[in-house]
Protein backbone atom coordinates (compact mmCIF):
# COMPACT_ATOMS: atom_id res chain seq x y z
CA MET A 1 41.15 -23.01 4.90
CA ILE A 2 40.45 -24.27 1.39
CA ARG A 3 36.75 -23.47 1.83
CA TRP A 4 37.43 -19.84 2.70
CA LYS A 5 39.84 -19.50 -0.23
CA ARG A 6 37.12 -20.74 -2.58
CA LEU A 7 34.60 -18.41 -0.98
CA LEU A 8 36.87 -15.39 -1.27
CA PHE A 9 37.83 -16.30 -4.84
CA GLY A 10 34.15 -16.72 -5.83
CA ILE A 11 33.19 -13.33 -4.39
CA LEU A 12 36.07 -11.34 -5.85
CA ARG A 13 36.22 -12.84 -9.32
CA GLN A 14 33.05 -10.96 -10.45
CA PRO A 15 33.14 -7.40 -9.07
CA SER A 16 30.07 -6.22 -11.00
CA GLY A 17 27.64 -8.37 -9.06
CA HIS A 18 29.02 -7.88 -5.55
CA PRO A 19 26.46 -6.45 -3.14
CA GLY A 20 26.91 -2.71 -2.79
CA ASN A 21 28.45 -2.30 -6.25
CA ASN A 22 26.58 0.24 -8.39
CA THR A 23 27.84 -1.05 -11.72
CA ARG A 24 25.02 -1.02 -14.21
CA PRO A 25 23.76 -4.49 -15.14
CA GLY A 26 24.79 -5.48 -18.60
CA GLY A 27 27.71 -3.00 -18.63
CA LYS A 28 31.41 -3.64 -18.57
CA GLY A 29 31.24 -5.34 -15.21
CA ALA A 30 28.70 -7.93 -16.34
CA ASP A 31 29.38 -11.63 -16.03
CA SER A 32 31.71 -12.55 -18.90
CA ARG A 33 30.69 -16.20 -18.73
CA ILE A 34 27.15 -15.39 -19.83
CA PRO A 35 26.96 -14.56 -23.54
CA PRO A 36 25.10 -11.48 -24.81
CA SER A 37 21.35 -11.87 -24.99
CA ASP A 38 19.54 -12.62 -28.20
CA GLN A 39 18.63 -9.43 -30.02
CA ASN A 40 15.28 -10.79 -31.22
CA PRO A 41 12.73 -8.98 -28.98
CA GLU A 42 9.91 -11.42 -29.66
CA ARG A 43 12.07 -14.33 -28.59
CA ILE A 44 13.72 -12.71 -25.60
CA LEU A 45 10.46 -11.42 -24.05
CA GLN A 46 9.17 -14.99 -23.95
CA GLU A 47 10.15 -16.95 -20.91
CA PRO A 48 12.88 -19.49 -21.84
CA LYS A 49 11.81 -23.11 -21.90
CA ASP A 50 15.20 -24.75 -21.30
CA ASP A 51 17.23 -24.89 -18.11
CA ARG A 52 20.33 -23.06 -19.30
CA LEU A 53 21.40 -20.28 -16.97
CA GLU A 54 22.41 -18.08 -19.89
CA GLU A 55 18.90 -18.11 -21.36
CA LYS A 56 17.18 -17.36 -18.06
CA VAL A 57 19.50 -14.49 -17.17
CA ALA A 58 19.34 -13.05 -20.69
CA TRP A 59 15.54 -13.06 -20.51
CA LEU A 60 15.62 -11.33 -17.14
CA ARG A 61 18.16 -8.74 -18.35
CA LYS A 62 15.92 -7.91 -21.29
CA ARG A 63 12.87 -7.48 -19.07
CA LEU A 64 14.85 -5.28 -16.67
CA ASP A 65 16.73 -3.30 -19.29
CA LYS A 66 17.82 0.20 -18.14
CA CYS A 67 17.13 -0.62 -14.49
CA SER A 68 20.31 0.63 -12.83
CA ASP A 69 19.29 -0.46 -9.33
CA VAL A 70 19.02 -4.15 -10.30
CA GLN A 71 22.16 -6.09 -9.39
CA TYR A 72 23.37 -9.44 -10.80
CA TYR A 73 25.61 -11.55 -8.59
CA PRO A 74 27.21 -14.66 -10.19
CA PHE A 75 29.01 -17.27 -8.13
CA LEU A 76 30.04 -20.95 -8.15
CA THR A 77 28.91 -23.62 -5.72
CA ALA A 78 31.36 -25.97 -4.08
CA ASP A 79 30.93 -28.54 -6.87
CA GLY A 80 31.44 -25.94 -9.64
CA ARG A 81 27.79 -25.35 -10.55
CA ARG A 82 27.14 -21.87 -11.96
CA CYS A 83 24.55 -19.73 -10.16
CA MET A 84 23.20 -16.22 -10.55
CA ALA A 85 21.48 -14.13 -7.89
CA VAL A 86 19.44 -11.06 -8.81
CA TYR A 87 18.27 -8.42 -6.36
CA ILE A 88 17.35 -4.73 -6.14
CA MET A 89 19.62 -2.46 -4.19
CA ASN A 90 18.36 -1.12 -0.85
CA MET A 91 15.33 -3.43 -0.99
CA SER A 92 17.10 -6.71 -0.17
CA ASP A 93 19.40 -7.74 2.65
CA GLN A 94 22.66 -8.47 0.82
CA THR A 95 24.60 -9.25 4.00
CA LEU A 96 22.11 -11.86 5.12
CA PHE A 97 22.08 -13.28 1.60
CA LEU A 98 25.85 -13.79 1.64
CA GLN A 99 25.80 -15.36 5.09
CA GLN A 100 22.78 -17.65 4.74
CA VAL A 101 22.86 -18.57 1.05
CA VAL A 102 26.13 -17.90 -0.74
CA GLN A 103 28.54 -19.09 1.92
CA PRO A 104 26.75 -22.43 2.57
CA LEU A 105 26.45 -23.13 -1.16
CA MET A 106 30.12 -22.36 -1.78
CA ALA A 107 31.31 -24.43 1.16
CA ALA A 108 32.44 -27.97 0.32
CA ASP A 109 30.26 -30.77 1.66
CA GLU A 110 30.47 -34.37 0.55
CA VAL A 111 26.84 -34.94 1.49
CA ASP A 112 25.58 -32.01 -0.59
CA SER A 113 27.93 -32.66 -3.49
CA GLY A 114 25.98 -33.42 -6.65
CA LEU A 115 22.59 -32.40 -5.28
CA PRO A 116 20.67 -29.74 -7.23
CA VAL A 117 20.93 -26.24 -5.82
CA MET A 118 17.15 -26.06 -5.36
CA ASP A 119 17.23 -29.20 -3.22
CA ARG A 120 19.93 -27.67 -1.06
CA LEU A 121 17.79 -24.56 -0.57
CA PHE A 122 14.49 -26.29 0.14
CA ARG A 123 15.49 -29.62 1.72
CA ARG A 124 18.83 -29.14 3.39
CA SER A 125 19.25 -27.44 6.74
CA ARG A 126 22.67 -26.11 5.71
CA VAL A 127 20.99 -23.16 3.97
CA PRO A 128 18.93 -21.53 6.77
CA VAL A 129 16.45 -19.53 4.66
CA THR A 130 12.82 -19.81 5.70
CA GLY A 131 9.99 -19.09 3.31
CA ALA A 132 11.94 -19.83 0.10
CA GLN A 133 9.77 -20.65 -2.91
CA HIS A 134 10.31 -22.19 -6.33
CA VAL A 135 8.80 -19.88 -8.96
CA ASP A 136 8.78 -19.46 -12.70
CA GLY A 137 10.11 -16.44 -14.55
CA GLU A 138 7.07 -14.13 -14.51
CA GLU A 139 6.19 -14.85 -10.91
CA GLY A 140 9.82 -14.49 -9.95
CA LEU A 141 9.99 -11.11 -11.68
CA ASN A 142 7.07 -9.88 -9.58
CA LYS A 143 8.74 -11.18 -6.42
CA LEU A 144 11.98 -9.45 -7.39
CA LEU A 145 10.21 -6.12 -7.83
CA ASP A 146 8.70 -6.65 -4.39
CA GLY A 147 12.18 -6.68 -2.86
CA GLN A 148 12.94 -10.41 -2.73
CA ILE A 149 16.06 -12.11 -4.11
CA LEU A 150 16.02 -14.48 -7.10
CA LEU A 151 18.51 -17.31 -7.45
CA ALA A 152 18.98 -19.52 -10.52
CA ALA A 153 21.33 -22.44 -11.14
CA ASN A 154 22.51 -23.81 -14.46
CA GLY A 155 20.61 -26.91 -15.54
CA GLU A 156 17.73 -26.42 -13.10
CA LYS A 157 14.25 -25.16 -13.88
CA GLY A 158 12.84 -21.88 -12.63
CA TRP A 159 14.11 -19.58 -9.93
CA ALA A 160 14.41 -19.79 -6.18
CA CYS A 161 12.70 -16.84 -4.51
CA LEU A 162 14.31 -15.84 -1.20
CA PRO A 163 12.29 -13.51 1.07
CA LEU A 164 15.26 -11.49 2.31
CA THR A 165 13.69 -8.05 2.02
CA ASN A 166 15.18 -5.11 3.88
CA PHE A 167 13.92 -1.55 3.50
CA ASN A 168 13.11 1.20 5.95
CA LYS A 169 9.63 1.33 7.48
CA ARG A 170 7.88 3.97 9.53
CA SER A 171 7.49 2.89 13.12
CA ILE A 172 4.08 2.54 14.76
CA SER A 173 2.92 5.85 16.20
CA GLU A 174 -0.22 7.49 17.56
CA PRO A 175 -3.08 8.30 15.17
CA SER A 176 -2.92 11.80 13.75
CA ASN A 177 -6.66 12.20 13.08
CA GLU A 178 -8.62 9.71 15.20
CA VAL A 179 -7.26 10.89 18.55
CA VAL A 180 -8.72 9.51 21.78
CA ILE A 181 -8.30 10.32 25.45
CA ARG A 182 -8.96 6.77 26.59
CA GLY A 183 -8.13 3.83 24.38
CA PRO A 184 -5.28 2.32 22.33
CA ARG A 185 -2.73 4.75 20.93
CA GLU A 186 -1.41 2.91 17.91
CA ALA A 187 -2.09 3.54 14.24
CA PHE A 188 -1.58 1.74 10.96
CA VAL A 189 1.58 2.35 8.94
CA GLU A 190 2.38 2.07 5.24
CA ASP A 191 3.61 -1.53 5.42
CA ILE A 192 0.75 -3.98 4.94
CA ALA A 193 2.52 -6.81 6.78
CA THR A 194 2.82 -4.65 9.89
CA ASN A 195 -0.83 -3.66 9.60
CA LEU A 196 -1.93 -7.29 9.37
CA THR A 197 0.09 -8.01 12.49
CA LEU A 198 -1.69 -5.22 14.35
CA ILE A 199 -5.05 -6.73 13.41
CA ARG A 200 -3.95 -10.29 14.20
CA ARG A 201 -2.86 -9.21 17.69
CA LYS A 202 -6.42 -8.10 18.40
CA VAL A 203 -8.33 -10.86 16.58
CA LYS A 204 -6.63 -14.05 17.73
CA SER A 205 -8.91 -16.47 15.96
CA PRO A 206 -8.35 -19.04 13.20
CA ASP A 207 -11.56 -17.71 11.63
CA PHE A 208 -9.82 -14.43 10.81
CA LYS A 209 -9.09 -14.85 7.09
CA THR A 210 -7.05 -12.78 4.66
CA GLU A 211 -7.11 -13.03 0.86
CA GLU A 212 -4.55 -11.22 -1.27
CA GLN A 213 -4.87 -9.60 -4.70
CA LEU A 214 -2.52 -7.58 -6.89
CA ILE A 215 -4.09 -4.51 -8.50
CA GLY A 216 -2.40 -2.11 -10.89
CA THR A 217 -0.66 -2.87 -14.17
CA TYR A 218 2.54 -1.07 -13.19
CA THR A 219 2.38 -0.75 -9.41
CA GLN A 220 1.20 -4.33 -8.68
CA THR A 221 -0.15 -3.05 -5.38
CA LYS A 222 -0.92 -5.71 -2.81
CA VAL A 223 -4.53 -5.50 -1.61
CA VAL A 224 -5.72 -7.76 1.21
CA ILE A 225 -9.37 -8.59 1.92
CA ALA A 226 -9.73 -9.41 5.63
CA TYR A 227 -12.83 -10.81 7.31
CA ILE A 228 -13.97 -13.20 10.03
CA GLU A 229 -15.42 -16.38 8.61
CA GLY A 230 -18.81 -17.11 10.10
CA LEU A 231 -19.54 -13.46 10.93
CA CYS A 232 -19.14 -11.97 7.45
CA LYS A 233 -22.03 -12.82 5.15
CA PRO A 234 -20.85 -14.69 2.02
CA ALA A 235 -22.92 -12.41 -0.22
CA LEU A 236 -21.07 -9.36 1.12
CA LEU A 237 -17.68 -10.99 0.66
CA ASP A 238 -18.47 -12.08 -2.89
CA GLU A 239 -19.61 -8.56 -3.79
CA VAL A 240 -16.36 -7.03 -2.51
CA LYS A 241 -14.27 -9.55 -4.46
CA LEU A 242 -16.31 -8.94 -7.61
CA ARG A 243 -15.88 -5.17 -7.48
CA LEU A 244 -12.16 -5.42 -6.81
CA SER A 245 -11.69 -7.90 -9.65
CA ARG A 246 -13.20 -5.39 -12.08
CA ILE A 247 -10.55 -2.75 -11.36
CA GLU A 248 -8.20 -2.31 -14.31
CA MET A 249 -5.88 0.68 -13.99
CA ASP A 250 -2.20 1.61 -14.22
CA GLY A 251 -1.59 1.78 -10.51
CA VAL A 252 -3.01 2.04 -7.00
CA LEU A 253 -1.05 4.43 -4.80
CA GLU A 254 -3.55 4.84 -1.96
CA GLY A 255 -6.72 3.22 -0.69
CA SER A 256 -8.89 6.06 -1.97
CA TYR A 257 -8.35 4.68 -5.50
CA LEU A 258 -10.20 1.53 -4.44
CA GLU A 259 -12.86 3.46 -2.54
CA GLU A 260 -14.18 5.10 -5.69
CA TYR A 261 -14.50 1.71 -7.39
CA LEU A 262 -16.31 0.14 -4.43
CA GLU A 263 -18.97 2.82 -3.98
CA ASP A 264 -22.53 2.21 -5.13
CA ASN A 265 -23.11 5.89 -5.98
CA PRO A 266 -19.81 7.64 -6.83
CA PHE A 267 -21.57 10.96 -7.54
CA SER A 268 -22.90 11.34 -4.01
CA PRO A 269 -21.10 13.74 -1.65
CA PHE A 270 -21.56 11.27 1.22
CA PRO A 271 -18.86 8.62 1.85
CA GLN A 272 -20.12 5.08 1.32
CA ILE A 273 -16.93 3.36 2.47
CA GLN A 274 -15.55 3.95 5.95
CA TYR A 275 -11.82 4.44 6.42
CA THR A 276 -9.81 4.29 9.61
CA GLU A 277 -6.23 4.53 10.80
CA ARG A 278 -6.91 2.73 14.08
CA PRO A 279 -6.45 -1.07 14.45
CA ASP A 280 -9.06 -1.21 17.23
CA THR A 281 -11.68 0.39 14.99
CA ALA A 282 -10.84 -2.06 12.22
CA ALA A 283 -11.06 -5.01 14.62
CA ALA A 284 -14.44 -3.78 15.87
CA GLY A 285 -15.69 -3.64 12.28
CA LEU A 286 -14.55 -7.21 11.67
CA LEU A 287 -16.40 -8.38 14.78
CA GLU A 288 -19.56 -6.78 13.37
CA GLY A 289 -19.28 -8.87 10.22
CA ARG A 290 -17.83 -6.21 7.95
CA VAL A 291 -15.03 -6.56 5.41
CA LEU A 292 -11.68 -4.82 5.80
CA ILE A 293 -9.86 -3.81 2.60
CA MET A 294 -6.16 -3.15 3.24
CA CYS A 295 -3.92 -1.48 0.66
CA ASP A 296 -0.14 -1.74 0.76
CA GLY A 297 1.54 1.65 1.02
CA SER A 298 -1.41 3.31 2.77
CA PRO A 299 -1.85 3.87 6.53
CA ILE A 300 -5.60 4.26 5.96
CA GLN A 301 -7.66 1.07 5.66
CA LEU A 302 -11.18 0.72 4.25
CA MET A 303 -14.22 -0.97 5.81
CA ALA A 304 -17.49 -1.88 4.16
CA PRO A 305 -20.40 -1.69 4.32
CA VAL A 306 -21.03 1.48 6.29
CA THR A 307 -24.11 3.47 7.24
CA LEU A 308 -24.60 7.11 8.15
CA PRO A 309 -25.20 6.34 11.86
CA MET A 310 -21.90 4.44 11.93
CA LEU A 311 -20.05 7.48 10.58
CA LEU A 312 -21.47 9.57 13.42
CA LEU A 313 -20.06 7.20 16.06
CA PHE A 314 -16.51 7.09 17.37
CA SER A 315 -14.46 4.35 18.98
CA GLU A 316 -14.01 6.35 22.19
CA ASP A 317 -17.79 6.24 22.72
CA TYR A 318 -17.32 2.62 23.81
CA TYR A 319 -14.30 3.32 26.02
CA GLN A 320 -16.22 5.76 28.24
CA ARG A 321 -19.04 5.07 30.65
CA TRP A 322 -22.31 4.53 28.84
CA LEU A 323 -24.03 7.61 30.32
CA THR A 324 -21.14 9.84 29.28
CA GLY A 325 -21.00 8.25 25.85
CA THR A 326 -24.73 8.79 25.34
CA TRP A 327 -24.50 12.46 26.35
CA ILE A 328 -21.57 13.08 23.98
CA ARG A 329 -23.49 11.44 21.14
CA TRP A 330 -26.48 13.71 21.67
CA ILE A 331 -24.21 16.76 21.59
CA ARG A 332 -22.62 15.45 18.40
CA TYR A 333 -25.97 14.91 16.69
CA PHE A 334 -27.11 18.43 17.61
CA PHE A 335 -23.98 20.07 16.24
CA VAL A 336 -24.20 18.07 13.01
CA VAL A 337 -27.49 19.87 12.38
CA ILE A 338 -25.92 23.18 13.45
CA SER A 339 -23.02 22.75 11.02
CA LEU A 340 -25.41 22.25 8.12
CA LEU A 341 -28.30 24.63 8.83
CA LEU A 342 -27.20 27.45 11.16
CA PRO A 343 -25.99 29.92 8.46
CA SER A 344 -29.04 29.14 6.32
CA ILE A 345 -31.45 29.73 9.20
CA TYR A 346 -29.80 33.09 9.95
CA ILE A 347 -30.06 34.11 6.28
CA ALA A 348 -33.72 33.06 6.05
CA VAL A 349 -34.75 34.77 9.29
CA THR A 350 -32.96 38.07 8.63
CA THR A 351 -34.11 38.21 4.99
CA PHE A 352 -37.64 36.79 4.95
CA HIS A 353 -38.84 36.14 8.51
CA PRO A 354 -37.58 38.86 10.89
CA GLU A 355 -40.84 38.57 12.84
CA LEU A 356 -39.59 35.26 14.26
CA LEU A 357 -36.90 37.05 16.28
CA PRO A 358 -37.58 38.67 19.67
CA SER A 359 -37.75 42.46 19.48
CA ASN A 360 -34.52 43.08 21.39
CA LEU A 361 -32.58 40.55 19.32
CA LEU A 362 -34.07 41.93 16.11
CA MET A 363 -32.93 45.47 17.00
CA THR A 364 -29.44 44.18 17.81
CA VAL A 365 -29.11 42.33 14.51
CA ALA A 366 -30.52 45.25 12.54
CA GLY A 367 -28.10 47.66 14.20
CA ALA A 368 -25.15 45.40 13.47
CA ARG A 369 -26.14 45.11 9.79
CA GLU A 370 -26.86 48.80 9.35
CA THR A 371 -23.48 49.58 7.76
CA VAL A 372 -23.14 46.31 5.81
CA PRO A 373 -23.63 46.95 2.06
CA PHE A 374 -24.39 43.32 1.16
CA PRO A 375 -27.46 41.15 1.66
CA ALA A 376 -27.23 38.38 4.24
CA LEU A 377 -26.56 35.71 1.59
CA ILE A 378 -23.53 37.51 0.11
CA GLU A 379 -22.31 38.33 3.59
CA ALA A 380 -22.48 34.66 4.59
CA LEU A 381 -20.75 33.53 1.40
CA ILE A 382 -17.86 35.95 2.03
CA MET A 383 -17.32 34.65 5.55
CA GLU A 384 -17.80 30.97 4.66
CA ILE A 385 -15.31 31.10 1.79
CA THR A 386 -12.83 33.00 3.98
CA PHE A 387 -13.22 30.40 6.71
CA GLU A 388 -12.64 27.54 4.24
CA VAL A 389 -9.51 29.24 2.88
CA LEU A 390 -8.11 29.70 6.39
CA ARG A 391 -8.86 26.08 7.23
CA GLU A 392 -7.13 24.85 4.07
CA ALA A 393 -4.16 27.13 4.68
CA GLY A 394 -3.80 25.81 8.22
CA ILE A 395 -3.70 22.24 6.91
CA ARG A 396 -1.24 22.82 4.05
CA THR A 397 1.26 25.04 5.84
CA PRO A 398 4.04 23.45 7.95
CA LYS A 399 2.89 22.27 11.36
CA PRO A 400 4.86 24.81 13.46
CA ILE A 401 3.00 27.72 11.83
CA GLY A 402 -0.18 26.04 10.57
CA GLN A 403 -2.16 26.46 13.78
CA THR A 404 -0.96 30.05 14.15
CA VAL A 405 -2.07 30.91 10.61
CA SER A 406 -5.58 29.50 11.10
CA ILE A 407 -6.21 31.02 14.54
CA LEU A 408 -4.63 34.45 14.02
CA GLY A 409 -6.01 34.66 10.49
CA ALA A 410 -9.56 34.06 11.69
CA ILE A 411 -9.27 36.60 14.51
CA VAL A 412 -7.55 39.33 12.50
CA ILE A 413 -9.65 38.97 9.34
CA GLY A 414 -12.92 38.69 11.27
CA GLN A 415 -12.20 41.76 13.39
CA ALA A 416 -11.00 43.78 10.41
CA ALA A 417 -14.05 42.80 8.33
CA VAL A 418 -16.43 43.90 11.10
CA GLN A 419 -14.64 47.22 11.62
CA ALA A 420 -14.62 47.89 7.87
CA GLY A 421 -18.36 47.26 7.68
CA ILE A 422 -18.04 44.41 5.17
CA VAL A 423 -19.74 41.88 7.44
CA SER A 424 -21.65 42.11 10.68
CA ALA A 425 -20.58 40.75 14.05
CA PRO A 426 -23.53 38.30 14.27
CA MET A 427 -22.52 36.79 10.92
CA VAL A 428 -18.96 36.21 12.18
CA ILE A 429 -20.39 34.42 15.21
CA ILE A 430 -22.75 32.29 13.10
CA VAL A 431 -20.06 31.21 10.63
CA SER A 432 -17.58 30.48 13.43
CA MET A 433 -20.10 28.31 15.28
CA SER A 434 -20.99 26.34 12.15
CA GLY A 435 -17.31 25.86 11.32
CA ILE A 436 -16.47 24.62 14.81
CA ALA A 437 -19.53 22.36 14.78
CA SER A 438 -18.23 20.63 11.64
CA PHE A 439 -15.14 19.52 13.59
CA VAL A 440 -17.36 17.53 15.95
CA ILE A 441 -18.15 15.04 13.16
CA PRO A 442 -15.77 12.07 13.69
CA HIS A 443 -15.43 11.12 10.03
CA VAL A 444 -13.55 13.73 7.99
CA ASP A 445 -15.23 12.92 4.67
CA LEU A 446 -18.68 13.18 6.26
CA GLY A 447 -17.75 16.58 7.66
CA LEU A 448 -16.63 17.68 4.21
CA ALA A 449 -19.95 16.51 2.77
CA PHE A 450 -21.92 18.65 5.24
CA ARG A 451 -19.64 21.62 4.59
CA PHE A 452 -20.23 21.23 0.85
CA LEU A 453 -24.02 20.95 1.24
CA ARG A 454 -24.06 24.04 3.42
CA PHE A 455 -23.66 26.24 0.33
CA PRO A 456 -26.68 25.02 -1.72
CA VAL A 457 -28.82 25.18 1.42
CA MET A 458 -27.67 28.78 1.93
CA PHE A 459 -28.67 29.64 -1.65
CA ALA A 460 -32.08 28.07 -1.07
CA ALA A 461 -32.49 30.04 2.16
CA GLY A 462 -31.47 33.29 0.47
CA SER A 463 -33.97 32.70 -2.35
CA PHE A 464 -37.01 31.17 -0.62
CA GLY A 465 -36.48 31.53 3.12
CA LEU A 466 -37.50 28.75 5.48
CA PHE A 467 -39.43 27.09 2.67
CA GLY A 468 -36.18 26.70 0.71
CA ILE A 469 -34.48 25.22 3.77
CA SER A 470 -37.33 22.73 4.23
CA VAL A 471 -37.19 21.61 0.60
CA SER A 472 -33.38 21.28 0.78
CA VAL A 473 -33.54 19.13 3.91
CA ILE A 474 -36.22 16.91 2.36
CA LEU A 475 -34.09 16.41 -0.75
CA ILE A 476 -31.03 15.56 1.35
CA VAL A 477 -33.00 13.02 3.40
CA LEU A 478 -34.45 11.43 0.26
CA HIS A 479 -30.96 11.15 -1.18
CA LEU A 480 -29.65 9.54 2.02
CA VAL A 481 -32.50 7.03 2.08
CA SER A 482 -31.81 6.07 -1.55
CA LEU A 483 -28.11 5.43 -0.99
CA ARG A 484 -26.61 1.96 -0.59
CA SER A 485 -23.24 0.80 0.66
CA LEU A 486 -22.49 -2.53 -1.00
CA GLY A 487 -26.23 -3.14 -1.07
CA THR A 488 -26.81 -2.10 2.56
CA PRO A 489 -29.28 0.77 3.19
CA TYR A 490 -27.26 3.87 4.07
CA MET A 491 -29.67 4.99 6.81
CA TYR A 492 -29.80 1.62 8.60
CA PRO A 493 -30.88 1.13 11.41
CA LEU A 494 -33.10 4.23 11.08
CA ALA A 495 -34.53 3.48 7.64
CA PRO A 496 -35.34 0.64 7.61
CA ILE A 497 -35.73 0.28 11.36
CA GLY A 498 -33.17 -2.16 12.71
CA ASP A 499 -32.82 -4.01 15.97
CA GLY A 500 -30.11 -1.76 17.40
CA TRP A 501 -31.40 1.70 16.45
CA LEU A 502 -32.12 2.56 20.10
CA LYS A 503 -29.35 0.66 21.87
CA ASP A 504 -26.44 1.75 19.71
CA PHE A 505 -27.53 4.98 18.00
CA VAL A 506 -29.93 7.03 20.09
CA LEU A 507 -28.21 5.69 23.20
CA ARG A 508 -24.89 4.13 23.92
CA ALA A 509 -26.28 1.28 25.94
CA PRO A 510 -24.06 -0.72 28.29
CA VAL A 511 -21.89 -3.25 26.52
CA TRP A 512 -23.61 -6.17 28.21
CA PHE A 513 -26.97 -4.91 26.88
CA MET A 514 -25.98 -4.84 23.18
CA LYS A 515 -26.60 -8.49 22.46
CA LYS A 516 -26.85 -8.58 18.67
CA ARG A 517 -24.51 -7.58 15.88
CA PRO A 518 -25.64 -5.28 13.05
CA ASP A 519 -27.52 -7.18 10.37
CA PHE A 520 -26.37 -6.07 6.92
CA TYR A 521 -28.06 -8.76 4.81
CA LYS A 522 -31.52 -10.12 5.48
CA ASN A 523 -33.02 -10.06 8.95
CA ASN A 524 -30.89 -12.72 10.58
CA PRO A 525 -28.87 -11.10 13.37
CA SER A 526 -26.36 -13.15 15.31
CA ASN A 527 -25.67 -12.89 19.01
CA ARG A 528 -22.38 -11.58 20.31
CA MET A 529 -22.96 -12.55 23.95
CA VAL A 530 -25.37 -14.24 26.30
CA TYR A 531 -28.49 -12.11 26.53
CA HIS A 532 -28.47 -9.66 29.49
CA LYS A 533 -25.31 -11.17 30.93
CA ARG A 534 -24.89 -8.13 33.15
CA PRO A 535 -22.75 -7.89 36.30
CA VAL A 536 -24.32 -9.55 39.32
CA ILE A 537 -23.97 -8.06 42.79
CA PRO A 538 -22.61 -10.74 45.12
CA GLU A 539 -24.86 -11.66 48.03
CA GLU A 540 -23.80 -10.71 51.50
CA GLU A 541 -22.45 -13.42 53.75
CA GLY A 542 -25.04 -15.02 55.95
CA ASP A 543 -28.00 -14.29 53.64
């Protein structure tokens, strides 16, 4: 009974620091036992050297001045030792803190009497808090801003950091972009701890390593470098760490901030870092020896290095039968070319090379363009820009009406433009086919790159015909060959020729046939399985 009276008296005697109270720290409800902080800014911004509770709390109050969501909770232990807990509202579990920390410390115990508070937290089983750490002021401040609870006791050095975080998280759901018919249906979320758990569930190996960094002066964003030791080349890992260590900026709010710092050629339209929202795709990249860069607060994770053939592949290719996967890849490769060159070929043929068309088709195209007042290039630009606007409008509008806007807009505007004689019906078909073909590309950024390059190729076709298209394609190929992704050739395994260019690019060979992993540094591939360990047909009985 005496214990509960002390507990109740300790909680009610300081109403300003009680969990759930919105009294501003340092206001009228502040702890009257702690004197006002020193007004000398140079002195107060320095971490106090002594063990007095007043000095430590005054330093923390000065650092967190005008932070109304920071709460200070003073209380007394059973032996009369003064303590102060500091936490941020709605980021820490105040109820669990009272039950697992405050109540045991305020309860009388002859065994614990006289022991330092830190010893009771770290060495005594009476305080059941796992993961508690002893930190200094600056480190403790960072932990506090991350949602943990700080606890200090008079006459003891430093702060106790209690990992009692509690804030709402988005539950694991299906991927919104990388949708599959057959395969796992879980996607990353914004919480990096949950994302690491998703990866750890798939890669159950002690060789799976994670290294943490904090990037951003104000955001202090947690960035984790994940890799499999023994599969990831040390040179690749060192290069990733070096480039991340050079980042100095105010804050990192999404993984794309890091992507632009990691690229070898930031002025190229082609993505040089792969991103994914699927844990199975990330795990597959780790098993190939790549590095996974995970950013807290982002459901999209980065993988490096990456090559153009990798961006043209999709995880579902490996979940289907190998013949089906190979056929789908061939269709995808064909429509990648269609998305880039189809409007340009139409412009070049109708403007400079009509003799290449069969007579019947030529008469049909000429009749359709008879009332169009614009040349083929201007006609194509009108339709391409209209198509891009409709696509952007369908993405930005609310989901219930977004699909309706894009579909009805394309039908109505296309039909009205043909009837008004602004564009021809063949041009509407050409632009629609090239737009649909761009959706076949699995990687969104790669599709955007081809959509962007479609316009300069169209200008070249409208100015020089097929010769302009040929020169444009040659320049694009030369640019692709010159690109690097963390030192890896962007066109590997096509240029230079690699070991798996036929098995895992031209074809989707059976899994048991793809023996070697991709080799990103030097020509030293490692095996992923016993060579040609294919299924064996059991012999019939009696043979």
